[in-house]
Amino acid sequence: MFGVFFGCSECCLLLSTAYHLLSSHSHHVDQLWHRMDLLGIVIATVGTFIPGIHYIFVCEPMWQEFHWFIVIVPAISTAALLCIPAFRSQRWREVRVATYIVLAATAFIPLLHGTQLYGLDHMIHYSGMKWYLFELTVYGIGAGLYTFRIPERFAPGVFDIWLSSHQIFHVSILFAMYLNVLGLKQAFMASHASDICHIKATHG
């Protein structure tokens, strides 16, 4: 499961690097690699959720597959809207944004379901939930600053080189990935150092 996370995260970072290196080539190349950059975010999101779901429902294969399905469907929809030419127009912009929001929102479904099944205390101490919530907060702050162009909107020209919202967003992504590793590590250690299924049954 760590391989899934690191592989998808690396794919995201490589696509982002390629976009930032090649975007100045031409308008066509910029548009192509911008889509690849956005696709990398989808890949990283799936790679973040899949391992977390695995460890939350490690004793419940049916629920694992159910929540994987909930994540994969909006991920495929988002990828299709990015890659199929007919959906690239301005007319579909709001739909594309909506699919990203739905994909991000699916993160809360397994956390809430796990809390309902096993209790909040179990989720905090055994599933990595604490770190996942920190991660989502960091992602949210970074995305919010980038969306509303803060701080450069309040001081045009001052943040053109350093501390722009785009740079803050990239740093927030790296920090959020680190927090996800801490969550996965906690869940991995708990599932291998104790009879986690017995503990889950007791909490359930």
N, C-alpha and C. Protein backbone atom coordinates (compact mmCIF):
# COMPACT_ATOMS: atom_id res chain seq x y z
N MET A 1 0.81 -1.21 0.00
CA MET A 1 0.00 0.00 0.00
C MET A 1 0.85 1.28 0.00
N PHE A 2 2.01 1.20 0.64
CA PHE A 2 2.90 2.36 0.60
C PHE A 2 3.37 2.60 -0.84
N GLY A 3 3.55 1.51 -1.59
CA GLY A 3 3.96 1.63 -2.99
C GLY A 3 2.93 2.36 -3.83
N VAL A 4 1.65 2.10 -3.55
CA VAL A 4 0.57 2.80 -4.26
C VAL A 4 0.65 4.30 -4.00
N PHE A 5 0.81 4.65 -2.72
CA PHE A 5 0.87 6.07 -2.36
C PHE A 5 2.08 6.76 -2.98
N PHE A 6 3.27 6.17 -2.79
CA PHE A 6 4.48 6.81 -3.29
C PHE A 6 4.51 6.85 -4.82
N GLY A 7 4.01 5.79 -5.46
CA GLY A 7 3.99 5.77 -6.92
C GLY A 7 3.09 6.85 -7.49
N CYS A 8 1.89 6.99 -6.93
CA CYS A 8 0.95 8.00 -7.41
C CYS A 8 1.43 9.41 -7.08
N SER A 9 2.03 9.58 -5.91
CA SER A 9 2.55 10.90 -5.53
C SER A 9 3.69 11.31 -6.45
N GLU A 10 4.58 10.36 -6.75
CA GLU A 10 5.70 10.65 -7.64
C GLU A 10 5.20 11.00 -9.04
N CYS A 11 4.18 10.29 -9.49
CA CYS A 11 3.59 10.59 -10.80
C CYS A 11 3.05 12.02 -10.83
N CYS A 12 2.37 12.41 -9.77
CA CYS A 12 1.84 13.77 -9.65
C CYS A 12 2.96 14.80 -9.71
N LEU A 13 4.00 14.58 -8.95
CA LEU A 13 5.10 15.55 -8.89
C LEU A 13 5.86 15.62 -10.21
N LEU A 14 6.02 14.48 -10.89
CA LEU A 14 6.71 14.48 -12.18
C LEU A 14 5.89 15.21 -13.25
N LEU A 15 4.58 14.99 -13.26
CA LEU A 15 3.72 15.69 -14.22
C LEU A 15 3.71 17.19 -13.95
N SER A 16 3.71 17.56 -12.68
CA SER A 16 3.75 18.98 -12.33
C SER A 16 5.08 19.60 -12.76
N THR A 17 6.17 18.87 -12.54
CA THR A 17 7.49 19.36 -12.95
C THR A 17 7.54 19.55 -14.47
N ALA A 18 7.01 18.57 -15.20
CA ALA A 18 7.00 18.66 -16.67
C ALA A 18 6.20 19.87 -17.13
N TYR A 19 5.06 20.10 -16.50
CA TYR A 19 4.23 21.25 -16.88
C TYR A 19 4.99 22.56 -16.67
N HIS A 20 5.61 22.71 -15.52
CA HIS A 20 6.29 23.97 -15.22
C HIS A 20 7.54 24.17 -16.08
N LEU A 21 8.13 23.07 -16.54
CA LEU A 21 9.30 23.18 -17.41
C LEU A 21 8.91 23.50 -18.86
N LEU A 22 7.79 22.95 -19.31
CA LEU A 22 7.44 23.01 -20.73
C LEU A 22 6.37 24.04 -21.07
N SER A 23 5.73 24.62 -20.07
CA SER A 23 4.58 25.49 -20.33
C SER A 23 4.92 26.73 -21.15
N SER A 24 6.17 27.17 -21.11
CA SER A 24 6.56 28.37 -21.84
C SER A 24 6.85 28.10 -23.32
N HIS A 25 6.77 26.83 -23.74
CA HIS A 25 7.11 26.46 -25.12
C HIS A 25 6.14 27.09 -26.13
N SER A 26 4.86 26.87 -25.93
CA SER A 26 3.83 27.39 -26.83
C SER A 26 2.48 27.23 -26.15
N HIS A 27 1.47 27.88 -26.71
CA HIS A 27 0.13 27.78 -26.11
C HIS A 27 -0.37 26.34 -26.13
N HIS A 28 -0.16 25.64 -27.24
CA HIS A 28 -0.62 24.26 -27.36
C HIS A 28 0.05 23.36 -26.32
N VAL A 29 1.37 23.49 -26.19
CA VAL A 29 2.11 22.69 -25.22
C VAL A 29 1.70 23.05 -23.80
N ASP A 30 1.49 24.33 -23.55
CA ASP A 30 1.05 24.78 -22.23
C ASP A 30 -0.28 24.13 -21.86
N GLN A 31 -1.25 24.14 -22.78
CA GLN A 31 -2.56 23.57 -22.51
C GLN A 31 -2.49 22.06 -22.29
N LEU A 32 -1.67 21.39 -23.10
CA LEU A 32 -1.52 19.94 -22.96
C LEU A 32 -0.97 19.58 -21.58
N TRP A 33 0.13 20.22 -21.19
CA TRP A 33 0.77 19.85 -19.93
C TRP A 33 0.03 20.41 -18.72
N HIS A 34 -0.77 21.44 -18.93
CA HIS A 34 -1.62 21.90 -17.82
C HIS A 34 -2.66 20.83 -17.49
N ARG A 35 -3.20 20.20 -18.54
CA ARG A 35 -4.14 19.09 -18.31
C ARG A 35 -3.44 17.93 -17.61
N MET A 36 -2.20 17.65 -18.02
CA MET A 36 -1.44 16.58 -17.37
C MET A 36 -1.15 16.91 -15.90
N ASP A 37 -0.90 18.18 -15.64
CA ASP A 37 -0.68 18.64 -14.26
C ASP A 37 -1.92 18.38 -13.41
N LEU A 38 -3.08 18.75 -13.96
CA LEU A 38 -4.35 18.52 -13.25
C LEU A 38 -4.64 17.03 -13.11
N LEU A 39 -4.30 16.26 -14.14
CA LEU A 39 -4.49 14.81 -14.07
C LEU A 39 -3.61 14.22 -12.97
N GLY A 40 -2.42 14.77 -12.79
CA GLY A 40 -1.54 14.32 -11.72
C GLY A 40 -2.16 14.49 -10.35
N ILE A 41 -2.93 15.57 -10.18
CA ILE A 41 -3.61 15.79 -8.90
C ILE A 41 -4.64 14.70 -8.67
N VAL A 42 -5.36 14.31 -9.73
CA VAL A 42 -6.34 13.22 -9.62
C VAL A 42 -5.63 11.92 -9.22
N ILE A 43 -4.52 11.63 -9.88
CA ILE A 43 -3.76 10.40 -9.58
C ILE A 43 -3.27 10.40 -8.14
N ALA A 44 -2.74 11.55 -7.69
CA ALA A 44 -2.25 11.64 -6.31
C ALA A 44 -3.39 11.47 -5.31
N THR A 45 -4.56 12.01 -5.64
CA THR A 45 -5.71 11.89 -4.75
C THR A 45 -6.12 10.43 -4.59
N VAL A 46 -6.20 9.72 -5.69
CA VAL A 46 -6.54 8.29 -5.64
C VAL A 46 -5.47 7.53 -4.87
N GLY A 47 -4.21 7.84 -5.13
CA GLY A 47 -3.11 7.17 -4.45
C GLY A 47 -3.04 7.47 -2.97
N THR A 48 -3.64 8.58 -2.56
CA THR A 48 -3.72 8.92 -1.14
C THR A 48 -4.86 8.18 -0.46
N PHE A 49 -6.01 8.12 -1.14
CA PHE A 49 -7.20 7.53 -0.51
C PHE A 49 -7.16 6.01 -0.44
N ILE A 50 -6.67 5.36 -1.50
CA ILE A 50 -6.71 3.90 -1.58
C ILE A 50 -6.00 3.23 -0.39
N PRO A 51 -4.76 3.60 -0.06
CA PRO A 51 -4.10 2.97 1.09
C PRO A 51 -4.79 3.28 2.42
N GLY A 52 -5.25 4.52 2.58
CA GLY A 52 -5.94 4.88 3.82
C GLY A 52 -7.18 4.03 4.04
N ILE A 53 -7.95 3.85 2.97
CA ILE A 53 -9.16 3.02 3.04
C ILE A 53 -8.78 1.58 3.36
N HIS A 54 -7.69 1.11 2.76
CA HIS A 54 -7.24 -0.27 3.02
C HIS A 54 -7.03 -0.50 4.51
N TYR A 55 -6.35 0.42 5.18
CA TYR A 55 -6.04 0.21 6.60
C TYR A 55 -7.23 0.49 7.51
N ILE A 56 -8.10 1.41 7.13
CA ILE A 56 -9.29 1.66 7.96
C ILE A 56 -10.17 0.42 8.00
N PHE A 57 -10.34 -0.22 6.83
CA PHE A 57 -11.23 -1.38 6.73
C PHE A 57 -10.44 -2.66 6.45
N VAL A 58 -9.27 -2.77 7.08
CA VAL A 58 -8.39 -3.90 6.82
C VAL A 58 -9.04 -5.24 7.17
N CYS A 59 -10.01 -5.23 8.05
CA CYS A 59 -10.71 -6.47 8.44
C CYS A 59 -12.06 -6.60 7.75
N GLU A 60 -12.38 -5.66 6.86
CA GLU A 60 -13.68 -5.64 6.20
C GLU A 60 -13.47 -5.47 4.69
N PRO A 61 -13.08 -6.54 3.97
CA PRO A 61 -12.81 -6.43 2.53
C PRO A 61 -13.97 -5.85 1.73
N MET A 62 -15.18 -6.16 2.13
CA MET A 62 -16.34 -5.64 1.39
C MET A 62 -16.40 -4.12 1.46
N TRP A 63 -16.14 -3.57 2.67
CA TRP A 63 -16.16 -2.11 2.83
C TRP A 63 -14.97 -1.46 2.14
N GLN A 64 -13.84 -2.16 2.12
CA GLN A 64 -12.69 -1.65 1.36
C GLN A 64 -13.09 -1.41 -0.09
N GLU A 65 -13.64 -2.43 -0.72
CA GLU A 65 -14.00 -2.34 -2.13
C GLU A 65 -15.09 -1.30 -2.36
N PHE A 66 -16.02 -1.21 -1.44
CA PHE A 66 -17.10 -0.22 -1.55
C PHE A 66 -16.54 1.19 -1.58
N HIS A 67 -15.64 1.49 -0.65
CA HIS A 67 -15.09 2.85 -0.58
C HIS A 67 -14.08 3.11 -1.70
N TRP A 68 -13.36 2.09 -2.13
CA TRP A 68 -12.50 2.27 -3.31
C TRP A 68 -13.35 2.66 -4.52
N PHE A 69 -14.49 2.01 -4.67
CA PHE A 69 -15.39 2.30 -5.79
C PHE A 69 -15.87 3.75 -5.73
N ILE A 70 -16.21 4.22 -4.52
CA ILE A 70 -16.69 5.59 -4.35
C ILE A 70 -15.61 6.60 -4.75
N VAL A 71 -14.35 6.26 -4.52
CA VAL A 71 -13.24 7.15 -4.89
C VAL A 71 -12.94 7.07 -6.39
N ILE A 72 -12.93 5.86 -6.92
CA ILE A 72 -12.49 5.66 -8.30
C ILE A 72 -13.47 6.24 -9.31
N VAL A 73 -14.77 6.16 -9.04
CA VAL A 73 -15.77 6.67 -9.99
C VAL A 73 -15.60 8.17 -10.25
N PRO A 74 -15.58 9.03 -9.22
CA PRO A 74 -15.36 10.46 -9.51
C PRO A 74 -13.96 10.74 -10.07
N ALA A 75 -12.98 9.91 -9.71
CA ALA A 75 -11.63 10.09 -10.26
C ALA A 75 -11.62 9.85 -11.77
N ILE A 76 -12.28 8.78 -12.20
CA ILE A 76 -12.37 8.50 -13.64
C ILE A 76 -13.16 9.59 -14.35
N SER A 77 -14.23 10.05 -13.73
CA SER A 77 -15.04 11.12 -14.32
C SER A 77 -14.22 12.39 -14.48
N THR A 78 -13.45 12.73 -13.46
CA THR A 78 -12.61 13.93 -13.52
C THR A 78 -11.55 13.80 -14.60
N ALA A 79 -10.91 12.63 -14.66
CA ALA A 79 -9.89 12.39 -15.68
C ALA A 79 -10.48 12.48 -17.09
N ALA A 80 -11.69 11.96 -17.26
CA ALA A 80 -12.34 12.01 -18.57
C ALA A 80 -12.63 13.45 -18.98
N LEU A 81 -13.11 14.25 -18.05
CA LEU A 81 -13.39 15.66 -18.34
C LEU A 81 -12.12 16.42 -18.71
N LEU A 82 -10.99 15.99 -18.18
CA LEU A 82 -9.71 16.64 -18.49
C LEU A 82 -9.16 16.21 -19.85
N CYS A 83 -9.37 14.94 -20.20
CA CYS A 83 -8.69 14.37 -21.36
C CYS A 83 -9.52 14.32 -22.64
N ILE A 84 -10.84 14.25 -22.53
CA ILE A 84 -11.68 14.18 -23.72
C ILE A 84 -11.91 15.58 -24.28
N PRO A 85 -11.54 15.82 -25.54
CA PRO A 85 -11.61 17.17 -26.11
C PRO A 85 -12.97 17.85 -25.97
N ALA A 86 -14.05 17.09 -26.11
CA ALA A 86 -15.39 17.69 -26.07
C ALA A 86 -15.70 18.35 -24.73
N PHE A 87 -15.00 17.95 -23.67
CA PHE A 87 -15.28 18.49 -22.33
C PHE A 87 -14.29 19.56 -21.90
N ARG A 88 -13.43 20.00 -22.80
CA ARG A 88 -12.39 20.97 -22.42
C ARG A 88 -12.84 22.42 -22.55
N SER A 89 -14.00 22.65 -23.11
CA SER A 89 -14.45 24.03 -23.36
C SER A 89 -14.82 24.73 -22.06
N GLN A 90 -14.93 26.05 -22.14
CA GLN A 90 -15.31 26.87 -20.99
C GLN A 90 -16.68 26.47 -20.46
N ARG A 91 -17.52 25.99 -21.35
CA ARG A 91 -18.88 25.58 -20.98
C ARG A 91 -18.88 24.49 -19.91
N TRP A 92 -17.86 23.64 -19.94
CA TRP A 92 -17.78 22.52 -19.00
C TRP A 92 -16.92 22.84 -17.79
N ARG A 93 -16.47 24.08 -17.66
CA ARG A 93 -15.55 24.43 -16.58
C ARG A 93 -16.15 24.15 -15.20
N GLU A 94 -17.39 24.57 -15.00
CA GLU A 94 -18.02 24.38 -13.69
C GLU A 94 -18.19 22.90 -13.37
N VAL A 95 -18.48 22.11 -14.39
CA VAL A 95 -18.61 20.67 -14.18
C VAL A 95 -17.27 20.07 -13.78
N ARG A 96 -16.20 20.52 -14.43
CA ARG A 96 -14.86 20.01 -14.09
C ARG A 96 -14.50 20.36 -12.65
N VAL A 97 -14.79 21.60 -12.26
CA VAL A 97 -14.52 22.02 -10.88
C VAL A 97 -15.34 21.18 -9.91
N ALA A 98 -16.61 20.93 -10.26
CA ALA A 98 -17.50 20.16 -9.39
C ALA A 98 -16.99 18.74 -9.18
N THR A 99 -16.43 18.13 -10.23
CA THR A 99 -15.93 16.76 -10.08
C THR A 99 -14.72 16.73 -9.15
N TYR A 100 -13.88 17.76 -9.19
CA TYR A 100 -12.75 17.86 -8.25
C TYR A 100 -13.26 17.96 -6.82
N ILE A 101 -14.30 18.77 -6.62
CA ILE A 101 -14.86 18.94 -5.28
C ILE A 101 -15.44 17.63 -4.77
N VAL A 102 -16.18 16.93 -5.64
CA VAL A 102 -16.76 15.64 -5.26
C VAL A 102 -15.65 14.64 -4.93
N LEU A 103 -14.61 14.61 -5.75
CA LEU A 103 -13.49 13.70 -5.50
C LEU A 103 -12.84 13.99 -4.15
N ALA A 104 -12.61 15.27 -3.86
CA ALA A 104 -12.01 15.63 -2.57
C ALA A 104 -12.93 15.28 -1.41
N ALA A 105 -14.24 15.48 -1.61
CA ALA A 105 -15.20 15.22 -0.54
C ALA A 105 -15.30 13.74 -0.19
N THR A 106 -14.95 12.87 -1.13
CA THR A 106 -15.03 11.43 -0.84
C THR A 106 -14.05 11.03 0.26
N ALA A 107 -13.08 11.89 0.57
CA ALA A 107 -12.13 11.58 1.65
C ALA A 107 -12.84 11.45 2.98
N PHE A 108 -13.92 12.20 3.16
CA PHE A 108 -14.60 12.20 4.45
C PHE A 108 -15.50 10.99 4.65
N ILE A 109 -15.92 10.36 3.55
CA ILE A 109 -16.87 9.25 3.66
C ILE A 109 -16.28 8.07 4.42
N PRO A 110 -15.09 7.55 4.06
CA PRO A 110 -14.54 6.43 4.85
C PRO A 110 -14.18 6.82 6.27
N LEU A 111 -13.78 8.08 6.49
CA LEU A 111 -13.46 8.52 7.86
C LEU A 111 -14.72 8.52 8.72
N LEU A 112 -15.81 9.04 8.18
CA LEU A 112 -17.07 9.06 8.93
C LEU A 112 -17.62 7.65 9.12
N HIS A 113 -17.51 6.83 8.08
CA HIS A 113 -18.00 5.46 8.19
C HIS A 113 -17.17 4.66 9.20
N GLY A 114 -15.84 4.84 9.15
CA GLY A 114 -14.98 4.16 10.12
C GLY A 114 -15.29 4.59 11.54
N THR A 115 -15.55 5.88 11.73
CA THR A 115 -15.91 6.38 13.07
C THR A 115 -17.22 5.77 13.53
N GLN A 116 -18.17 5.64 12.61
CA GLN A 116 -19.46 5.04 12.96
C GLN A 116 -19.32 3.57 13.34
N LEU A 117 -18.42 2.86 12.64
CA LEU A 117 -18.24 1.42 12.90
C LEU A 117 -17.40 1.14 14.13
N TYR A 118 -16.28 1.88 14.28
CA TYR A 118 -15.28 1.53 15.29
C TYR A 118 -15.14 2.54 16.42
N GLY A 119 -15.73 3.72 16.26
CA GLY A 119 -15.62 4.74 17.30
C GLY A 119 -14.50 5.73 17.02
N LEU A 120 -14.65 6.94 17.51
CA LEU A 120 -13.67 8.01 17.26
C LEU A 120 -12.31 7.69 17.87
N ASP A 121 -12.30 7.14 19.08
CA ASP A 121 -11.03 6.85 19.76
C ASP A 121 -10.20 5.87 18.95
N HIS A 122 -10.85 4.83 18.43
CA HIS A 122 -10.14 3.85 17.61
C HIS A 122 -9.57 4.50 16.35
N MET A 123 -10.38 5.32 15.69
CA MET A 123 -9.95 5.95 14.44
C MET A 123 -8.76 6.88 14.67
N ILE A 124 -8.77 7.58 15.80
CA ILE A 124 -7.67 8.50 16.11
C ILE A 124 -6.37 7.74 16.38
N HIS A 125 -6.46 6.63 17.11
CA HIS A 125 -5.26 5.95 17.58
C HIS A 125 -4.77 4.81 16.68
N TYR A 126 -5.64 4.29 15.81
CA TYR A 126 -5.25 3.12 15.04
C TYR A 126 -5.31 3.31 13.52
N SER A 127 -6.09 4.25 13.03
CA SER A 127 -6.30 4.34 11.58
C SER A 127 -5.51 5.45 10.90
N GLY A 128 -4.90 6.34 11.68
CA GLY A 128 -4.21 7.49 11.09
C GLY A 128 -5.11 8.67 10.85
N MET A 129 -6.35 8.62 11.35
CA MET A 129 -7.34 9.66 11.06
C MET A 129 -6.86 11.05 11.46
N LYS A 130 -6.18 11.15 12.59
CA LYS A 130 -5.69 12.46 13.05
C LYS A 130 -4.82 13.11 11.98
N TRP A 131 -3.92 12.31 11.41
CA TRP A 131 -3.01 12.84 10.40
C TRP A 131 -3.74 13.15 9.11
N TYR A 132 -4.74 12.32 8.77
CA TYR A 132 -5.51 12.58 7.55
C TYR A 132 -6.29 13.89 7.65
N LEU A 133 -6.82 14.18 8.83
CA LEU A 133 -7.56 15.43 9.01
C LEU A 133 -6.61 16.63 8.92
N PHE A 134 -5.41 16.49 9.50
CA PHE A 134 -4.40 17.55 9.34
C PHE A 134 -4.06 17.73 7.86
N GLU A 135 -3.91 16.62 7.18
CA GLU A 135 -3.58 16.65 5.75
C GLU A 135 -4.65 17.39 4.95
N LEU A 136 -5.91 17.05 5.19
CA LEU A 136 -7.01 17.70 4.47
C LEU A 136 -7.06 19.19 4.78
N THR A 137 -6.75 19.55 6.03
CA THR A 137 -6.71 20.97 6.41
C THR A 137 -5.64 21.71 5.64
N VAL A 138 -4.45 21.11 5.55
CA VAL A 138 -3.34 21.74 4.83
C VAL A 138 -3.68 21.87 3.34
N TYR A 139 -4.23 20.80 2.75
CA TYR A 139 -4.67 20.86 1.36
C TYR A 139 -5.69 21.99 1.16
N GLY A 140 -6.65 22.06 2.08
CA GLY A 140 -7.71 23.06 1.97
C GLY A 140 -7.17 24.48 2.03
N ILE A 141 -6.25 24.71 2.97
CA ILE A 141 -5.66 26.05 3.10
C ILE A 141 -4.87 26.41 1.83
N GLY A 142 -4.05 25.48 1.37
CA GLY A 142 -3.25 25.73 0.17
C GLY A 142 -4.12 25.98 -1.06
N ALA A 143 -5.15 25.14 -1.23
CA ALA A 143 -6.05 25.31 -2.38
C ALA A 143 -6.84 26.61 -2.28
N GLY A 144 -7.26 26.96 -1.05
CA GLY A 144 -8.01 28.19 -0.85
C GLY A 144 -7.19 29.43 -1.19
N LEU A 145 -5.94 29.46 -0.72
CA LEU A 145 -5.06 30.59 -1.02
C LEU A 145 -4.81 30.70 -2.52
N TYR A 146 -4.63 29.54 -3.17
CA TYR A 146 -4.38 29.55 -4.62
C TYR A 146 -5.62 29.99 -5.39
N THR A 147 -6.79 29.49 -4.99
CA THR A 147 -8.03 29.84 -5.68
C THR A 147 -8.31 31.33 -5.63
N PHE A 148 -8.10 31.93 -4.47
CA PHE A 148 -8.40 33.35 -4.29
C PHE A 148 -7.18 34.25 -4.46
N ARG A 149 -6.06 33.65 -4.92
CA ARG A 149 -4.84 34.40 -5.22
C ARG A 149 -4.39 35.27 -4.04
N ILE A 150 -4.31 34.63 -2.88
CA ILE A 150 -3.84 35.32 -1.67
C ILE A 150 -2.40 34.86 -1.39
N PRO A 151 -1.43 35.73 -1.19
CA PRO A 151 -1.57 37.16 -0.83
C PRO A 151 -1.43 38.15 -1.98
N GLU A 152 -1.13 37.68 -3.22
CA GLU A 152 -0.77 38.64 -4.28
C GLU A 152 -1.91 39.57 -4.68
N ARG A 153 -3.16 39.14 -4.44
CA ARG A 153 -4.27 40.02 -4.81
C ARG A 153 -4.29 41.29 -3.95
N PHE A 154 -3.68 41.22 -2.77
CA PHE A 154 -3.66 42.38 -1.88
C PHE A 154 -2.42 43.26 -2.08
N ALA A 155 -1.44 42.73 -2.80
CA ALA A 155 -0.21 43.51 -3.04
C ALA A 155 0.35 43.11 -4.40
N PRO A 156 -0.28 43.55 -5.48
CA PRO A 156 0.16 43.18 -6.83
C PRO A 156 1.63 43.53 -7.07
N GLY A 157 2.37 42.55 -7.59
CA GLY A 157 3.77 42.75 -7.91
C GLY A 157 4.73 42.40 -6.79
N VAL A 158 4.26 42.40 -5.56
CA VAL A 158 5.14 42.14 -4.41
C VAL A 158 5.54 40.67 -4.34
N PHE A 159 4.63 39.77 -4.72
CA PHE A 159 4.87 38.33 -4.57
C PHE A 159 5.09 37.64 -5.91
N ASP A 160 5.58 38.37 -6.89
CA ASP A 160 5.79 37.78 -8.21
C ASP A 160 6.88 36.71 -8.22
N ILE A 161 7.87 36.85 -7.34
CA ILE A 161 9.00 35.91 -7.32
C ILE A 161 8.92 34.95 -6.14
N TRP A 162 8.63 35.46 -4.96
CA TRP A 162 8.58 34.62 -3.75
C TRP A 162 7.24 34.76 -3.05
N LEU A 163 6.80 33.64 -2.44
CA LEU A 163 5.62 33.59 -1.57
C LEU A 163 4.30 33.87 -2.28
N SER A 164 4.23 33.56 -3.56
CA SER A 164 2.94 33.67 -4.26
C SER A 164 2.04 32.51 -3.84
N SER A 165 0.75 32.63 -4.11
CA SER A 165 -0.19 31.57 -3.73
C SER A 165 0.14 30.26 -4.44
N HIS A 166 0.66 30.34 -5.65
CA HIS A 166 1.03 29.14 -6.39
C HIS A 166 2.16 28.39 -5.68
N GLN A 167 3.15 29.13 -5.21
CA GLN A 167 4.25 28.51 -4.47
C GLN A 167 3.76 27.93 -3.14
N ILE A 168 2.91 28.67 -2.45
CA ILE A 168 2.36 28.19 -1.18
C ILE A 168 1.57 26.90 -1.41
N PHE A 169 0.82 26.86 -2.51
CA PHE A 169 0.03 25.67 -2.84
C PHE A 169 0.94 24.46 -3.03
N HIS A 170 2.06 24.63 -3.74
CA HIS A 170 2.98 23.52 -3.96
C HIS A 170 3.60 23.04 -2.64
N VAL A 171 3.97 23.97 -1.80
CA VAL A 171 4.54 23.60 -0.49
C VAL A 171 3.49 22.87 0.35
N SER A 172 2.24 23.33 0.28
CA SER A 172 1.17 22.68 1.05
C SER A 172 0.95 21.25 0.57
N ILE A 173 1.09 21.02 -0.73
CA ILE A 173 0.94 19.67 -1.27
C ILE A 173 2.02 18.74 -0.72
N LEU A 174 3.26 19.21 -0.72
CA LEU A 174 4.36 18.40 -0.20
C LEU A 174 4.18 18.11 1.29
N PHE A 175 3.77 19.13 2.05
CA PHE A 175 3.56 18.94 3.49
C PHE A 175 2.40 17.98 3.74
N ALA A 176 1.34 18.11 2.94
CA ALA A 176 0.19 17.21 3.08
C ALA A 176 0.58 15.77 2.77
N MET A 177 1.43 15.58 1.78
CA MET A 177 1.91 14.23 1.46
C MET A 177 2.69 13.64 2.63
N TYR A 178 3.49 14.47 3.27
CA TYR A 178 4.25 14.03 4.45
C TYR A 178 3.30 13.62 5.57
N LEU A 179 2.25 14.41 5.79
CA LEU A 179 1.26 14.07 6.83
C LEU A 179 0.56 12.77 6.50
N ASN A 180 0.31 12.53 5.21
CA ASN A 180 -0.32 11.28 4.82
C ASN A 180 0.57 10.09 5.14
N VAL A 181 1.87 10.25 4.93
CA VAL A 181 2.82 9.18 5.27
C VAL A 181 2.75 8.87 6.76
N LEU A 182 2.65 9.91 7.59
CA LEU A 182 2.54 9.69 9.04
C LEU A 182 1.27 8.92 9.38
N GLY A 183 0.17 9.25 8.70
CA GLY A 183 -1.08 8.54 8.93
C GLY A 183 -0.99 7.08 8.51
N LEU A 184 -0.41 6.84 7.34
CA LEU A 184 -0.25 5.46 6.86
C LEU A 184 0.68 4.67 7.78
N LYS A 185 1.73 5.32 8.25
CA LYS A 185 2.67 4.65 9.16
C LYS A 185 1.96 4.24 10.44
N GLN A 186 1.14 5.14 11.00
CA GLN A 186 0.41 4.81 12.22
C GLN A 186 -0.52 3.62 11.99
N ALA A 187 -1.25 3.65 10.87
CA ALA A 187 -2.19 2.57 10.58
C ALA A 187 -1.46 1.26 10.31
N PHE A 188 -0.34 1.33 9.60
CA PHE A 188 0.46 0.14 9.30
C PHE A 188 0.99 -0.49 10.58
N MET A 189 1.56 0.34 11.45
CA MET A 189 2.12 -0.17 12.71
C MET A 189 1.02 -0.79 13.57
N ALA A 190 -0.14 -0.14 13.62
CA ALA A 190 -1.24 -0.67 14.44
C ALA A 190 -1.73 -2.00 13.90
N SER A 191 -1.82 -2.12 12.57
CA SER A 191 -2.36 -3.35 11.99
C SER A 191 -1.40 -4.52 12.07
N HIS A 192 -0.09 -4.25 12.25
CA HIS A 192 0.90 -5.32 12.32
C HIS A 192 1.43 -5.58 13.73
N ALA A 193 1.19 -4.66 14.64
CA ALA A 193 1.73 -4.81 15.99
C ALA A 193 0.69 -5.35 16.97
N SER A 194 -0.53 -5.50 16.53
CA SER A 194 -1.59 -5.97 17.44
C SER A 194 -2.64 -6.71 16.64
N ASP A 195 -3.52 -7.39 17.36
CA ASP A 195 -4.63 -8.08 16.71
C ASP A 195 -5.70 -7.04 16.39
N ILE A 196 -5.46 -6.31 15.31
CA ILE A 196 -6.30 -5.16 14.99
C ILE A 196 -7.75 -5.56 14.74
N CYS A 197 -7.97 -6.74 14.17
CA CYS A 197 -9.34 -7.16 13.89
C CYS A 197 -10.10 -7.44 15.18
N HIS A 198 -9.39 -7.98 16.18
CA HIS A 198 -10.03 -8.19 17.48
C HIS A 198 -10.35 -6.85 18.13
N ILE A 199 -9.43 -5.90 18.02
CA ILE A 199 -9.66 -4.56 18.58
C ILE A 199 -10.84 -3.90 17.89
N LYS A 200 -10.92 -4.02 16.57
CA LYS A 200 -12.03 -3.43 15.82
C LYS A 200 -13.35 -4.06 16.24
N ALA A 201 -13.34 -5.39 16.40
CA ALA A 201 -14.56 -6.07 16.81
C ALA A 201 -15.00 -5.61 18.20
N THR A 202 -14.03 -5.38 19.09
CA THR A 202 -14.34 -4.91 20.44
C THR A 202 -14.95 -3.51 20.40
N HIS A 203 -14.35 -2.61 19.56
CA HIS A 203 -14.88 -1.26 19.46
C HIS A 203 -16.23 -1.24 18.75
N GLY A 204 -16.37 -2.14 17.76
CA GLY A 204 -17.62 -2.16 17.01
C GLY A 204 -18.76 -2.67 17.85
